């Protein structure tokens, strides 16, 4: 099986369980806090760093709200059984990036993971998120390419993933 086909197959399986990924990230947090917690942290960590983390997570939440708030019905949603799309999203935030919900999820979780005062927690999160969602994006794009052939190609050629 070609690598792209394997990514699509794996992505379809992961798509069905994408709501449970945050539970895996919570498992990363516990050892992170245990290995790096220091009650005598500096003013920078206690205040400024936390505001940076909250700002990053808030940006992700705002991006998610804007995406969900202006999306066409039955094109993006909580469906977990299979891909659903009555039309191709090409306007609004979807004219800027092809996967705005996953980008929003990344920022929401990245800000949260940065609260842990251990650098390796953020690095592990980035790699885990990348591997997990990359497969889901392959599956979604394969579905859209097969359903909206020419419209998808035009949109994908001008809109970054």
N, C-alpha and C. Protein backbone atom coordinates (compact mmCIF):
# COMPACT_ATOMS: atom_id res chain seq x y z
N UNK A 1 0.85 -1.18 0.00
CA UNK A 1 0.00 0.00 0.00
C UNK A 1 0.90 1.24 0.00
N UNK A 2 0.57 2.20 -0.84
CA UNK A 2 1.33 3.44 -0.92
C UNK A 2 1.20 4.21 0.39
N UNK A 3 2.20 5.02 0.68
CA UNK A 3 2.22 5.77 1.93
C UNK A 3 1.00 6.68 2.05
N UNK A 4 0.62 7.35 0.97
CA UNK A 4 -0.54 8.24 1.01
C UNK A 4 -1.80 7.44 1.35
N UNK A 5 -1.95 6.27 0.76
CA UNK A 5 -3.11 5.42 1.05
C UNK A 5 -3.11 4.97 2.51
N UNK A 6 -1.92 4.68 3.02
CA UNK A 6 -1.81 4.29 4.44
C UNK A 6 -2.20 5.45 5.35
N UNK A 7 -1.77 6.66 5.01
CA UNK A 7 -2.14 7.85 5.80
C UNK A 7 -3.65 8.06 5.78
N UNK A 8 -4.27 7.87 4.62
CA UNK A 8 -5.72 8.03 4.50
C UNK A 8 -6.44 6.98 5.34
N UNK A 9 -6.01 5.74 5.24
CA UNK A 9 -6.63 4.65 6.00
C UNK A 9 -6.51 4.89 7.51
N UNK A 10 -5.31 5.24 7.95
CA UNK A 10 -5.08 5.54 9.36
C UNK A 10 -5.87 6.78 9.79
N UNK A 11 -5.89 7.79 8.92
CA UNK A 11 -6.62 9.02 9.21
C UNK A 11 -8.10 8.79 9.40
N UNK A 12 -8.69 7.91 8.60
CA UNK A 12 -10.11 7.60 8.77
C UNK A 12 -10.39 6.94 10.12
N UNK A 13 -9.48 6.09 10.57
CA UNK A 13 -9.64 5.47 11.90
C UNK A 13 -9.50 6.52 13.00
N UNK A 14 -8.49 7.38 12.88
CA UNK A 14 -8.26 8.41 13.89
C UNK A 14 -9.39 9.45 13.90
N UNK A 15 -9.96 9.72 12.72
CA UNK A 15 -11.06 10.68 12.60
C UNK A 15 -12.22 10.30 13.53
N UNK A 16 -12.49 9.02 13.61
CA UNK A 16 -13.62 8.54 14.43
C UNK A 16 -13.38 8.76 15.92
N UNK A 17 -12.12 8.88 16.31
CA UNK A 17 -11.78 8.99 17.73
C UNK A 17 -11.09 10.32 18.06
N UNK A 18 -11.21 11.31 17.20
CA UNK A 18 -10.46 12.56 17.39
C UNK A 18 -10.90 13.36 18.61
N UNK A 19 -12.07 13.09 19.14
CA UNK A 19 -12.54 13.80 20.33
C UNK A 19 -11.80 13.36 21.59
N UNK A 20 -11.16 12.20 21.53
CA UNK A 20 -10.51 11.65 22.73
C UNK A 20 -9.03 11.97 22.81
N UNK A 21 -8.47 12.62 21.80
CA UNK A 21 -7.05 12.97 21.81
C UNK A 21 -6.65 13.79 23.04
N UNK A 22 -7.47 14.75 23.47
CA UNK A 22 -7.07 15.53 24.65
C UNK A 22 -6.78 14.69 25.89
N UNK A 23 -7.40 13.55 26.03
CA UNK A 23 -7.12 12.69 27.18
C UNK A 23 -5.67 12.20 27.16
N UNK A 24 -5.13 11.96 25.97
CA UNK A 24 -3.73 11.56 25.84
C UNK A 24 -2.82 12.70 26.28
N UNK A 25 -3.18 13.93 25.90
CA UNK A 25 -2.36 15.08 26.28
C UNK A 25 -2.37 15.29 27.79
N UNK A 26 -3.46 14.99 28.44
CA UNK A 26 -3.51 15.14 29.89
C UNK A 26 -2.53 14.20 30.58
N UNK A 27 -2.32 13.03 30.00
CA UNK A 27 -1.35 12.08 30.56
C UNK A 27 0.06 12.66 30.51
N UNK A 28 0.36 13.47 29.49
CA UNK A 28 1.67 14.11 29.36
C UNK A 28 1.88 15.16 30.45
N UNK A 29 0.80 15.81 30.86
CA UNK A 29 0.91 16.91 31.82
C UNK A 29 1.38 16.48 33.21
N UNK A 30 0.90 15.35 33.69
CA UNK A 30 1.20 14.93 35.06
C UNK A 30 2.70 14.77 35.29
N UNK A 31 3.40 13.96 34.48
CA UNK A 31 4.85 13.87 34.72
C UNK A 31 5.58 15.18 34.46
N UNK A 32 5.04 15.99 33.57
CA UNK A 32 5.65 17.30 33.30
C UNK A 32 5.63 18.18 34.52
N UNK A 33 4.48 18.25 35.17
CA UNK A 33 4.39 19.05 36.39
C UNK A 33 5.24 18.47 37.50
N UNK A 34 5.25 17.16 37.61
CA UNK A 34 6.01 16.52 38.69
C UNK A 34 7.51 16.73 38.53
N UNK A 35 8.00 16.75 37.28
CA UNK A 35 9.44 16.85 37.07
C UNK A 35 9.94 18.28 37.09
N UNK A 36 9.07 19.26 36.89
CA UNK A 36 9.57 20.63 36.74
C UNK A 36 8.93 21.63 37.68
N UNK A 37 8.05 21.21 38.54
CA UNK A 37 7.36 22.17 39.39
C UNK A 37 8.32 22.75 40.42
N UNK A 38 8.26 24.08 40.56
CA UNK A 38 9.10 24.78 41.52
C UNK A 38 8.27 25.90 42.12
N UNK A 39 8.04 25.87 43.42
CA UNK A 39 7.18 26.86 44.05
C UNK A 39 7.84 28.24 44.14
N UNK A 40 9.14 28.33 43.87
CA UNK A 40 9.84 29.62 43.93
C UNK A 40 10.09 30.19 42.54
N UNK A 41 9.13 30.00 41.66
CA UNK A 41 9.29 30.51 40.30
C UNK A 41 9.39 32.03 40.30
N UNK A 42 9.99 32.56 39.27
CA UNK A 42 10.21 33.99 39.15
C UNK A 42 8.92 34.72 38.81
N UNK A 43 8.98 36.04 38.89
CA UNK A 43 7.85 36.89 38.52
C UNK A 43 7.47 36.63 37.06
N UNK A 44 8.49 36.44 36.20
CA UNK A 44 8.22 36.21 34.78
C UNK A 44 7.31 35.00 34.61
N UNK A 45 7.68 33.87 35.22
CA UNK A 45 6.86 32.66 35.04
C UNK A 45 5.49 32.84 35.67
N UNK A 46 5.47 33.38 36.85
CA UNK A 46 4.20 33.49 37.57
C UNK A 46 3.19 34.40 36.90
N UNK A 47 3.62 35.42 36.21
CA UNK A 47 2.67 36.38 35.64
C UNK A 47 2.76 36.51 34.13
N UNK A 48 3.86 36.95 33.63
CA UNK A 48 3.98 37.23 32.20
C UNK A 48 3.86 35.94 31.39
N UNK A 49 4.57 34.89 31.80
CA UNK A 49 4.51 33.63 31.06
C UNK A 49 3.09 33.07 31.03
N UNK A 50 2.41 33.14 32.14
CA UNK A 50 1.03 32.63 32.17
C UNK A 50 0.11 33.44 31.26
N UNK A 51 0.34 34.75 31.18
CA UNK A 51 -0.47 35.59 30.28
C UNK A 51 -0.18 35.24 28.82
N UNK A 52 1.06 34.91 28.51
CA UNK A 52 1.41 34.48 27.15
C UNK A 52 0.67 33.18 26.83
N UNK A 53 0.70 32.23 27.75
CA UNK A 53 0.02 30.95 27.55
C UNK A 53 -1.49 31.15 27.37
N UNK A 54 -2.08 31.97 28.22
CA UNK A 54 -3.52 32.23 28.12
C UNK A 54 -3.84 32.92 26.80
N UNK A 55 -2.99 33.83 26.36
CA UNK A 55 -3.21 34.53 25.08
C UNK A 55 -3.18 33.56 23.90
N UNK A 56 -2.23 32.63 23.91
CA UNK A 56 -2.14 31.65 22.83
C UNK A 56 -3.39 30.76 22.81
N UNK A 57 -3.80 30.27 23.96
CA UNK A 57 -5.01 29.44 24.03
C UNK A 57 -6.25 30.23 23.65
N UNK A 58 -6.32 31.48 24.06
CA UNK A 58 -7.47 32.33 23.72
C UNK A 58 -7.53 32.60 22.23
N UNK A 59 -6.38 32.80 21.60
CA UNK A 59 -6.34 32.96 20.15
C UNK A 59 -6.92 31.73 19.47
N UNK A 60 -6.54 30.55 19.93
CA UNK A 60 -7.07 29.30 19.37
C UNK A 60 -8.57 29.20 19.55
N UNK A 61 -9.05 29.58 20.73
CA UNK A 61 -10.49 29.54 20.99
C UNK A 61 -11.23 30.51 20.09
N UNK A 62 -10.70 31.72 19.93
CA UNK A 62 -11.32 32.71 19.05
C UNK A 62 -11.35 32.20 17.60
N UNK A 63 -10.27 31.63 17.14
CA UNK A 63 -10.22 31.08 15.79
C UNK A 63 -11.27 29.97 15.62
N UNK A 64 -11.41 29.14 16.63
CA UNK A 64 -12.40 28.06 16.57
C UNK A 64 -13.82 28.61 16.54
N UNK A 65 -14.09 29.60 17.37
CA UNK A 65 -15.43 30.22 17.41
C UNK A 65 -15.76 30.86 16.05
N UNK A 66 -14.81 31.58 15.48
CA UNK A 66 -15.03 32.21 14.18
C UNK A 66 -15.25 31.17 13.08
N UNK A 67 -14.52 30.09 13.14
CA UNK A 67 -14.67 29.04 12.14
C UNK A 67 -16.03 28.37 12.25
N UNK A 68 -16.39 27.93 13.44
CA UNK A 68 -17.65 27.24 13.64
C UNK A 68 -18.84 28.18 13.42
N UNK A 69 -18.68 29.43 13.80
CA UNK A 69 -19.77 30.38 13.69
C UNK A 69 -20.16 30.75 12.27
N UNK A 70 -19.25 30.59 11.33
CA UNK A 70 -19.53 31.01 9.96
C UNK A 70 -19.43 29.89 8.94
N UNK A 71 -19.52 28.65 9.39
CA UNK A 71 -19.38 27.52 8.49
C UNK A 71 -20.76 27.10 7.97
N UNK A 72 -20.80 26.63 6.74
CA UNK A 72 -22.05 26.15 6.15
C UNK A 72 -22.51 24.87 6.86
N UNK A 73 -23.82 24.67 6.97
CA UNK A 73 -24.33 23.46 7.62
C UNK A 73 -23.86 22.18 6.92
N UNK A 74 -23.62 21.15 7.70
CA UNK A 74 -23.21 19.82 7.24
C UNK A 74 -21.93 19.82 6.42
N UNK A 75 -20.99 20.66 6.83
CA UNK A 75 -19.68 20.65 6.19
C UNK A 75 -18.56 20.42 7.19
N UNK A 76 -18.72 20.88 8.39
CA UNK A 76 -17.77 20.63 9.47
C UNK A 76 -18.60 20.39 10.72
N UNK A 77 -18.14 19.52 11.55
CA UNK A 77 -18.94 19.29 12.74
C UNK A 77 -18.43 18.18 13.62
N UNK A 78 -19.31 17.66 14.42
CA UNK A 78 -18.97 16.65 15.41
C UNK A 78 -19.17 15.24 14.87
N UNK A 79 -19.40 15.10 13.57
CA UNK A 79 -19.59 13.77 13.02
C UNK A 79 -18.36 12.92 13.29
N UNK A 80 -18.59 11.69 13.71
CA UNK A 80 -17.47 10.81 14.01
C UNK A 80 -17.55 9.49 13.23
N UNK A 81 -18.68 9.19 12.67
CA UNK A 81 -18.83 7.93 11.94
C UNK A 81 -18.10 7.96 10.60
N UNK A 82 -18.26 9.07 9.88
CA UNK A 82 -17.61 9.20 8.57
C UNK A 82 -17.56 10.68 8.18
N UNK A 83 -16.87 10.95 7.09
CA UNK A 83 -16.76 12.31 6.59
C UNK A 83 -18.13 12.76 6.06
N UNK A 84 -18.46 14.05 6.27
CA UNK A 84 -19.72 14.61 5.80
C UNK A 84 -19.43 15.96 5.17
N UNK A 85 -19.98 16.19 3.98
CA UNK A 85 -19.85 17.51 3.35
C UNK A 85 -20.87 17.63 2.22
N UNK A 86 -21.83 18.52 2.39
CA UNK A 86 -22.78 18.80 1.31
C UNK A 86 -22.21 19.81 0.33
N UNK A 87 -21.25 20.61 0.80
CA UNK A 87 -20.59 21.58 -0.06
C UNK A 87 -19.16 21.76 0.45
N UNK A 88 -18.35 22.39 -0.37
CA UNK A 88 -16.94 22.62 -0.02
C UNK A 88 -16.80 24.01 0.60
N UNK A 89 -16.24 24.08 1.79
CA UNK A 89 -15.98 25.37 2.44
C UNK A 89 -14.80 26.03 1.76
N UNK A 90 -15.04 27.17 1.12
CA UNK A 90 -13.95 27.90 0.46
C UNK A 90 -13.95 29.37 0.83
N UNK A 91 -14.88 29.80 1.66
CA UNK A 91 -14.96 31.22 2.02
C UNK A 91 -14.63 31.40 3.50
N UNK A 92 -14.55 32.65 3.91
CA UNK A 92 -14.24 32.95 5.31
C UNK A 92 -12.85 32.46 5.66
N UNK A 93 -12.73 31.87 6.83
CA UNK A 93 -11.43 31.38 7.30
C UNK A 93 -10.90 30.25 6.41
N UNK A 94 -11.83 29.54 5.74
CA UNK A 94 -11.42 28.46 4.83
C UNK A 94 -10.77 29.00 3.55
N UNK A 95 -10.83 30.29 3.31
CA UNK A 95 -10.12 30.87 2.18
C UNK A 95 -8.68 31.22 2.57
N UNK A 96 -8.38 31.14 3.86
CA UNK A 96 -7.04 31.47 4.36
C UNK A 96 -6.24 30.21 4.67
N UNK A 97 -6.92 29.21 5.24
CA UNK A 97 -6.27 27.95 5.62
C UNK A 97 -7.27 26.81 5.45
N UNK A 98 -6.78 25.64 5.01
CA UNK A 98 -7.70 24.53 4.70
C UNK A 98 -8.20 23.80 5.94
N UNK A 99 -7.51 23.90 7.05
CA UNK A 99 -7.89 23.16 8.26
C UNK A 99 -7.94 24.09 9.47
N UNK A 100 -8.83 25.08 9.46
CA UNK A 100 -8.84 26.06 10.54
C UNK A 100 -9.23 25.49 11.91
N UNK A 101 -10.08 24.47 11.94
CA UNK A 101 -10.46 23.90 13.23
C UNK A 101 -9.28 23.20 13.89
N UNK A 102 -8.48 22.51 13.11
CA UNK A 102 -7.32 21.83 13.67
C UNK A 102 -6.23 22.83 14.06
N UNK A 103 -6.09 23.88 13.29
CA UNK A 103 -5.16 24.95 13.65
C UNK A 103 -5.59 25.59 14.97
N UNK A 104 -6.89 25.83 15.10
CA UNK A 104 -7.42 26.40 16.35
C UNK A 104 -7.17 25.45 17.52
N UNK A 105 -7.44 24.17 17.32
CA UNK A 105 -7.20 23.18 18.38
C UNK A 105 -5.73 23.18 18.79
N UNK A 106 -4.84 23.30 17.80
CA UNK A 106 -3.41 23.33 18.12
C UNK A 106 -3.09 24.48 19.06
N UNK A 107 -3.53 25.69 18.72
CA UNK A 107 -3.21 26.85 19.56
C UNK A 107 -3.86 26.73 20.94
N UNK A 108 -5.09 26.24 21.00
CA UNK A 108 -5.75 26.09 22.31
C UNK A 108 -4.95 25.16 23.21
N UNK A 109 -4.54 24.02 22.67
CA UNK A 109 -3.81 23.05 23.46
C UNK A 109 -2.35 23.45 23.69
N UNK A 110 -1.73 24.09 22.72
CA UNK A 110 -0.33 24.49 22.87
C UNK A 110 -0.18 25.49 24.01
N UNK A 111 -1.07 26.48 24.07
CA UNK A 111 -1.03 27.43 25.18
C UNK A 111 -1.18 26.72 26.52
N UNK A 112 -2.07 25.75 26.56
CA UNK A 112 -2.30 24.98 27.78
C UNK A 112 -1.06 24.17 28.15
N UNK A 113 -0.44 23.53 27.17
CA UNK A 113 0.75 22.71 27.43
C UNK A 113 1.94 23.57 27.87
N UNK A 114 2.00 24.80 27.39
CA UNK A 114 3.10 25.68 27.77
C UNK A 114 3.05 26.08 29.25
N UNK A 115 1.92 25.90 29.90
CA UNK A 115 1.83 26.16 31.34
C UNK A 115 2.76 25.26 32.13
N UNK A 116 3.00 24.07 31.62
CA UNK A 116 3.88 23.13 32.31
C UNK A 116 5.31 23.62 32.19
N UNK A 117 5.99 23.81 33.30
CA UNK A 117 7.35 24.36 33.26
C UNK A 117 8.42 23.34 32.88
N UNK A 118 8.12 22.53 31.87
CA UNK A 118 9.09 21.56 31.35
C UNK A 118 9.04 21.65 29.82
N UNK A 119 10.13 22.02 29.19
CA UNK A 119 10.17 22.22 27.75
C UNK A 119 9.75 20.99 26.97
N UNK A 120 10.09 19.81 27.48
CA UNK A 120 9.83 18.59 26.74
C UNK A 120 8.34 18.30 26.60
N UNK A 121 7.52 18.85 27.49
CA UNK A 121 6.07 18.65 27.39
C UNK A 121 5.54 19.31 26.12
N UNK A 122 5.96 20.54 25.85
CA UNK A 122 5.52 21.25 24.64
C UNK A 122 6.04 20.56 23.39
N UNK A 123 7.28 20.10 23.41
CA UNK A 123 7.85 19.41 22.25
C UNK A 123 7.10 18.10 22.00
N UNK A 124 6.85 17.33 23.04
CA UNK A 124 6.10 16.07 22.89
C UNK A 124 4.69 16.34 22.38
N UNK A 125 4.07 17.39 22.87
CA UNK A 125 2.73 17.76 22.39
C UNK A 125 2.76 18.08 20.90
N UNK A 126 3.71 18.90 20.46
CA UNK A 126 3.79 19.29 19.05
C UNK A 126 3.91 18.06 18.16
N UNK A 127 4.81 17.14 18.50
CA UNK A 127 4.98 15.94 17.67
C UNK A 127 3.75 15.04 17.71
N UNK A 128 3.15 14.88 18.87
CA UNK A 128 1.95 14.05 18.98
C UNK A 128 0.80 14.63 18.17
N UNK A 129 0.59 15.93 18.32
CA UNK A 129 -0.49 16.61 17.59
C UNK A 129 -0.26 16.49 16.09
N UNK A 130 0.97 16.73 15.67
CA UNK A 130 1.31 16.67 14.25
C UNK A 130 1.02 15.28 13.68
N UNK A 131 1.52 14.24 14.32
CA UNK A 131 1.33 12.88 13.80
C UNK A 131 -0.15 12.49 13.77
N UNK A 132 -0.88 12.87 14.79
CA UNK A 132 -2.29 12.51 14.89
C UNK A 132 -3.12 13.23 13.84
N UNK A 133 -3.01 14.54 13.80
CA UNK A 133 -3.87 15.32 12.91
C UNK A 133 -3.42 15.29 11.45
N UNK A 134 -2.15 15.05 11.21
CA UNK A 134 -1.70 14.94 9.82
C UNK A 134 -2.45 13.81 9.12
N UNK A 135 -2.62 12.71 9.79
CA UNK A 135 -3.33 11.56 9.19
C UNK A 135 -4.80 11.91 8.96
N UNK A 136 -5.41 12.59 9.91
CA UNK A 136 -6.81 12.98 9.76
C UNK A 136 -6.96 13.94 8.58
N UNK A 137 -6.02 14.86 8.42
CA UNK A 137 -6.09 15.81 7.30
C UNK A 137 -5.93 15.09 5.96
N UNK A 138 -5.07 14.08 5.90
CA UNK A 138 -4.96 13.29 4.68
C UNK A 138 -6.30 12.65 4.33
N UNK A 139 -6.96 12.08 5.33
CA UNK A 139 -8.25 11.42 5.10
C UNK A 139 -9.31 12.42 4.65
N UNK A 140 -9.38 13.57 5.32
CA UNK A 140 -10.37 14.58 4.95
C UNK A 140 -10.13 15.10 3.54
N UNK A 141 -8.88 15.39 3.22
CA UNK A 141 -8.59 15.91 1.89
C UNK A 141 -8.84 14.87 0.80
N UNK A 142 -8.59 13.61 1.09
CA UNK A 142 -8.89 12.55 0.14
C UNK A 142 -10.40 12.49 -0.13
N UNK A 143 -11.19 12.58 0.93
CA UNK A 143 -12.65 12.59 0.80
C UNK A 143 -13.11 13.78 -0.04
N UNK A 144 -12.61 14.97 0.27
CA UNK A 144 -13.01 16.17 -0.45
C UNK A 144 -12.56 16.14 -1.91
N UNK A 145 -11.37 15.63 -2.14
CA UNK A 145 -10.86 15.55 -3.51
C UNK A 145 -11.72 14.62 -4.36
N UNK A 146 -12.15 13.52 -3.77
CA UNK A 146 -12.99 12.58 -4.51
C UNK A 146 -14.42 13.08 -4.72
N UNK A 147 -14.92 13.89 -3.80
CA UNK A 147 -16.30 14.36 -3.89
C UNK A 147 -16.44 15.64 -4.71
N UNK A 148 -15.49 16.55 -4.59
CA UNK A 148 -15.59 17.88 -5.24
C UNK A 148 -14.46 18.11 -6.24
N UNK A 149 -14.08 17.12 -6.95
CA UNK A 149 -12.92 17.02 -7.82
C UNK A 149 -12.31 18.37 -8.26
N UNK A 150 -12.91 19.07 -9.20
CA UNK A 150 -12.32 20.30 -9.73
C UNK A 150 -12.35 21.45 -8.74
N UNK A 151 -13.47 21.60 -8.03
CA UNK A 151 -13.57 22.68 -7.04
C UNK A 151 -12.52 22.51 -5.95
N UNK A 152 -12.31 21.27 -5.53
CA UNK A 152 -11.30 21.02 -4.50
C UNK A 152 -9.91 21.37 -5.01
N UNK A 153 -9.59 20.94 -6.21
CA UNK A 153 -8.26 21.21 -6.78
C UNK A 153 -7.98 22.71 -6.86
N UNK A 154 -8.96 23.48 -7.34
CA UNK A 154 -8.77 24.94 -7.43
C UNK A 154 -8.55 25.55 -6.06
N UNK A 155 -9.36 25.14 -5.09
CA UNK A 155 -9.26 25.68 -3.73
C UNK A 155 -7.94 25.26 -3.08
N UNK A 156 -7.58 23.98 -3.19
CA UNK A 156 -6.37 23.48 -2.54
C UNK A 156 -5.11 24.09 -3.15
N UNK A 157 -5.13 24.41 -4.42
CA UNK A 157 -3.96 25.00 -5.06
C UNK A 157 -3.68 26.42 -4.59
N UNK A 158 -4.71 27.12 -4.12
CA UNK A 158 -4.48 28.50 -3.69
C UNK A 158 -4.57 28.69 -2.16
N UNK A 159 -4.97 27.66 -1.44
CA UNK A 159 -5.14 27.79 0.01
C UNK A 159 -4.17 26.85 0.74
N UNK A 160 -3.32 27.38 1.60
CA UNK A 160 -2.35 26.52 2.31
C UNK A 160 -3.02 25.59 3.33
N UNK A 161 -2.42 24.44 3.51
CA UNK A 161 -2.95 23.48 4.49
C UNK A 161 -2.70 23.99 5.89
